[in-house]
Amino acid sequence: FEAARLARTKSRDEALDALKKSLKDAKLSDAEKKKLTEDLAAQVGNITLETKLETLIKSKGFADCVVDLEGEKANVTVMTENDALSAAEVTRIRDALLSQCEGLSAQDITIVEVK
């Protein structure tokens, strides 16, 4: 889980750096700057929301998890104690995501279990 968080953080840091560098380009139009600023704000919002969701899921009795939000999709990797997640556990995880993510539907959530 730590390796997954580290990889996610590295990837996001690189994306944020690229957006910041692009914003410094004097040749950009106002519309392009606005779009890059919106993309930057969305990335920062996703980072904050992922952390919030991980905390929320762990508070529902799971040992650890990693949430990755990409556009209108959510991928959740959760540590399980049993062989497989029960239907009630899947529902708890999905409900946590749906309560916090605007525009996300249950079909857009992928949950992977890891022992």
C-alpha atoms as a PDB file:
ATOM      1  CA  PHE A   1       0.000   0.000   0.000  1.00  0.00           C
ATOM      2  CA  GLU A   2       2.840   2.381   0.752  1.00  0.00           C
ATOM      3  CA  ALA A   3       4.429   1.592  -2.625  1.00  0.00           C
ATOM      4  CA  ALA A   4       1.116   2.309  -4.365  1.00  0.00           C
ATOM      5  CA  ARG A   5       0.765   5.615  -2.504  1.00  0.00           C
ATOM      6  CA  LEU A   6       4.338   6.551  -3.375  1.00  0.00           C
ATOM      7  CA  ALA A   7       3.827   5.754  -7.075  1.00  0.00           C
ATOM      8  CA  ARG A   8       0.560   7.711  -7.107  1.00  0.00           C
ATOM      9  CA  THR A   9       2.207  10.673  -5.388  1.00  0.00           C
ATOM     10  CA  LYS A  10       5.151  10.662  -7.799  1.00  0.00           C
ATOM     11  CA  SER A  11       2.832  10.529 -10.805  1.00  0.00           C
ATOM     12  CA  ARG A  12       0.659  13.335  -9.461  1.00  0.00           C
ATOM     13  CA  ASP A  13       3.669  15.494  -8.556  1.00  0.00           C
ATOM     14  CA  GLU A  14       4.964  15.161 -12.111  1.00  0.00           C
ATOM     15  CA  ALA A  15       1.562  16.102 -13.527  1.00  0.00           C
ATOM     16  CA  LEU A  16       1.285  19.106 -11.205  1.00  0.00           C
ATOM     17  CA  ASP A  17       4.783  20.266 -12.121  1.00  0.00           C
ATOM     18  CA  ALA A  18       3.956  20.009 -15.826  1.00  0.00           C
ATOM     19  CA  LEU A  19       0.785  22.056 -15.334  1.00  0.00           C
ATOM     20  CA  LYS A  20       2.643  24.696 -13.301  1.00  0.00           C
ATOM     21  CA  LYS A  21       5.376  24.971 -15.938  1.00  0.00           C
ATOM     22  CA  SER A  22       2.775  25.289 -18.687  1.00  0.00           C
ATOM     23  CA  LEU A  23       1.068  28.103 -16.794  1.00  0.00           C
ATOM     24  CA  LYS A  24       4.317  30.101 -16.811  1.00  0.00           C
ATOM     25  CA  ASP A  25       4.393  30.107 -20.619  1.00  0.00           C
ATOM     26  CA  ALA A  26       3.909  33.726 -21.678  1.00  0.00           C
ATOM     27  CA  LYS A  27       2.555  32.660 -25.069  1.00  0.00           C
ATOM     28  CA  LEU A  28      -0.624  31.124 -23.633  1.00  0.00           C
ATOM     29  CA  SER A  29      -3.967  32.710 -24.358  1.00  0.00           C
ATOM     30  CA  ASP A  30      -6.291  33.600 -21.502  1.00  0.00           C
ATOM     31  CA  ALA A  31      -8.508  30.622 -22.400  1.00  0.00           C
ATOM     32  CA  GLU A  32      -5.526  28.251 -22.275  1.00  0.00           C
ATOM     33  CA  LYS A  33      -4.427  29.672 -18.911  1.00  0.00           C
ATOM     34  CA  LYS A  34      -7.953  29.286 -17.579  1.00  0.00           C
ATOM     35  CA  LYS A  35      -8.082  25.643 -18.721  1.00  0.00           C
ATOM     36  CA  LEU A  36      -4.691  24.857 -17.155  1.00  0.00           C
ATOM     37  CA  THR A  37      -5.733  26.554 -13.916  1.00  0.00           C
ATOM     38  CA  GLU A  38      -8.919  24.459 -13.841  1.00  0.00           C
ATOM     39  CA  ASP A  39      -6.896  21.287 -14.482  1.00  0.00           C
ATOM     40  CA  LEU A  40      -4.504  22.207 -11.674  1.00  0.00           C
ATOM     41  CA  ALA A  41      -7.383  22.869  -9.278  1.00  0.00           C
ATOM     42  CA  ALA A  42      -8.988  19.538 -10.224  1.00  0.00           C
ATOM     43  CA  GLN A  43      -5.728  17.657  -9.574  1.00  0.00           C
ATOM     44  CA  VAL A  44      -5.325  19.288  -6.167  1.00  0.00           C
ATOM     45  CA  GLY A  45      -8.976  18.567  -5.358  1.00  0.00           C
ATOM     46  CA  ASN A  46      -8.531  14.896  -6.302  1.00  0.00           C
ATOM     47  CA  ILE A  47      -5.458  14.569  -4.085  1.00  0.00           C
ATOM     48  CA  THR A  48      -7.359  15.998  -1.124  1.00  0.00           C
ATOM     49  CA  LEU A  49     -10.436  13.882  -1.818  1.00  0.00           C
ATOM     50  CA  GLU A  50      -8.415  10.669  -2.179  1.00  0.00           C
ATOM     51  CA  THR A  51      -6.887  11.196   1.256  1.00  0.00           C
ATOM     52  CA  LYS A  52     -10.300  11.955   2.746  1.00  0.00           C
ATOM     53  CA  LEU A  53     -11.812   8.830   1.159  1.00  0.00           C
ATOM     54  CA  GLU A  54      -8.970   6.618   2.377  1.00  0.00           C
ATOM     55  CA  THR A  55      -9.501   7.869   5.913  1.00  0.00           C
ATOM     56  CA  LEU A  56     -13.263   7.359   5.614  1.00  0.00           C
ATOM     57  CA  ILE A  57     -12.917   3.799   4.298  1.00  0.00           C
ATOM     58  CA  LYS A  58     -10.420   2.889   7.019  1.00  0.00           C
ATOM     59  CA  SER A  59     -12.842   4.272   9.609  1.00  0.00           C
ATOM     60  CA  LYS A  60     -15.376   1.716   8.364  1.00  0.00           C
ATOM     61  CA  GLY A  61     -13.194  -1.124   9.645  1.00  0.00           C
ATOM     62  CA  PHE A  62     -10.674  -1.765   6.867  1.00  0.00           C
ATOM     63  CA  ALA A  63      -7.000  -2.072   7.777  1.00  0.00           C
ATOM     64  CA  ASP A  64      -5.719  -0.085   4.799  1.00  0.00           C
ATOM     65  CA  CYS A  65      -6.720   1.136   1.367  1.00  0.00           C
ATOM     66  CA  VAL A  66      -5.623   3.254  -1.571  1.00  0.00           C
ATOM     67  CA  VAL A  67      -8.084   5.341  -3.573  1.00  0.00           C
ATOM     68  CA  ASP A  68      -7.226   6.580  -7.053  1.00  0.00           C
ATOM     69  CA  LEU A  69      -9.621   9.040  -8.694  1.00  0.00           C
ATOM     70  CA  GLU A  70      -9.265   9.568 -12.423  1.00  0.00           C
ATOM     71  CA  GLY A  71     -11.914  11.629 -14.150  1.00  0.00           C
ATOM     72  CA  GLU A  72     -15.273   9.975 -13.576  1.00  0.00           C
ATOM     73  CA  LYS A  73     -13.734   6.720 -12.326  1.00  0.00           C
ATOM     74  CA  ALA A  74     -12.602   5.543  -8.908  1.00  0.00           C
ATOM     75  CA  ASN A  75     -10.290   2.641  -8.204  1.00  0.00           C
ATOM     76  CA  VAL A  76     -10.073   1.355  -4.650  1.00  0.00           C
ATOM     77  CA  THR A  77      -7.578  -1.210  -3.429  1.00  0.00           C
ATOM     78  CA  VAL A  78      -8.488  -2.427   0.032  1.00  0.00           C
ATOM     79  CA  MET A  79      -6.719  -4.737   2.465  1.00  0.00           C
ATOM     80  CA  THR A  80      -8.952  -7.592   3.558  1.00  0.00           C
ATOM     81  CA  GLU A  81      -8.684 -10.050   6.406  1.00  0.00           C
ATOM     82  CA  ASN A  82     -10.963 -12.631   4.808  1.00  0.00           C
ATOM     83  CA  ASP A  83     -10.697 -14.357   1.445  1.00  0.00           C
ATOM     84  CA  ALA A  84     -13.118 -11.995  -0.247  1.00  0.00           C
ATOM     85  CA  LEU A  85     -15.064  -8.849   0.490  1.00  0.00           C
ATOM     86  CA  SER A  86     -18.620  -9.479   1.541  1.00  0.00           C
ATOM     87  CA  ALA A  87     -21.487  -7.733  -0.228  1.00  0.00           C
ATOM     88  CA  ALA A  88     -21.963  -5.560   2.875  1.00  0.00           C
ATOM     89  CA  GLU A  89     -18.291  -4.488   2.815  1.00  0.00           C
ATOM     90  CA  VAL A  90     -18.466  -3.603  -0.881  1.00  0.00           C
ATOM     91  CA  THR A  91     -21.607  -1.582  -0.172  1.00  0.00           C
ATOM     92  CA  ARG A  92     -19.872   0.302   2.680  1.00  0.00           C
ATOM     93  CA  ILE A  93     -16.970   1.205   0.400  1.00  0.00           C
ATOM     94  CA  ARG A  94     -19.206   2.251  -2.506  1.00  0.00           C
ATOM     95  CA  ASP A  95     -21.458   4.293  -0.201  1.00  0.00           C
ATOM     96  CA  ALA A  96     -18.408   6.125   1.161  1.00  0.00           C
ATOM     97  CA  LEU A  97     -17.280   7.059  -2.349  1.00  0.00           C
ATOM     98  CA  LEU A  98     -20.740   7.974  -3.610  1.00  0.00           C
ATOM     99  CA  SER A  99     -21.343  10.233  -0.602  1.00  0.00           C
ATOM    100  CA  GLN A 100     -18.175  12.230  -1.281  1.00  0.00           C
ATOM    101  CA  CYS A 101     -17.744  12.190  -5.078  1.00  0.00           C
ATOM    102  CA  GLU A 102     -20.037  14.333  -7.176  1.00  0.00           C
ATOM    103  CA  GLY A 103     -21.002  12.763 -10.491  1.00  0.00           C
ATOM    104  CA  LEU A 104     -19.633   9.320  -9.627  1.00  0.00           C
ATOM    105  CA  SER A 105     -21.903   6.314 -10.114  1.00  0.00           C
ATOM    106  CA  ALA A 106     -21.610   2.819  -8.646  1.00  0.00           C
ATOM    107  CA  GLN A 107     -20.678   1.453 -12.090  1.00  0.00           C
ATOM    108  CA  ASP A 108     -17.634   3.743 -12.160  1.00  0.00           C
ATOM    109  CA  ILE A 109     -16.156   2.274  -8.974  1.00  0.00           C
ATOM    110  CA  THR A 110     -13.684  -0.600  -9.129  1.00  0.00           C
ATOM    111  CA  ILE A 111     -12.790  -2.320  -5.869  1.00  0.00           C
ATOM    112  CA  VAL A 112      -9.821  -4.674  -5.649  1.00  0.00           C
ATOM    113  CA  GLU A 113      -9.087  -6.677  -2.541  1.00  0.00           C
ATOM    114  CA  VAL A 114      -5.613  -7.545  -1.326  1.00  0.00           C
ATOM    115  CA  LYS A 115      -4.724  -9.784   1.597  1.00  0.00           C
END
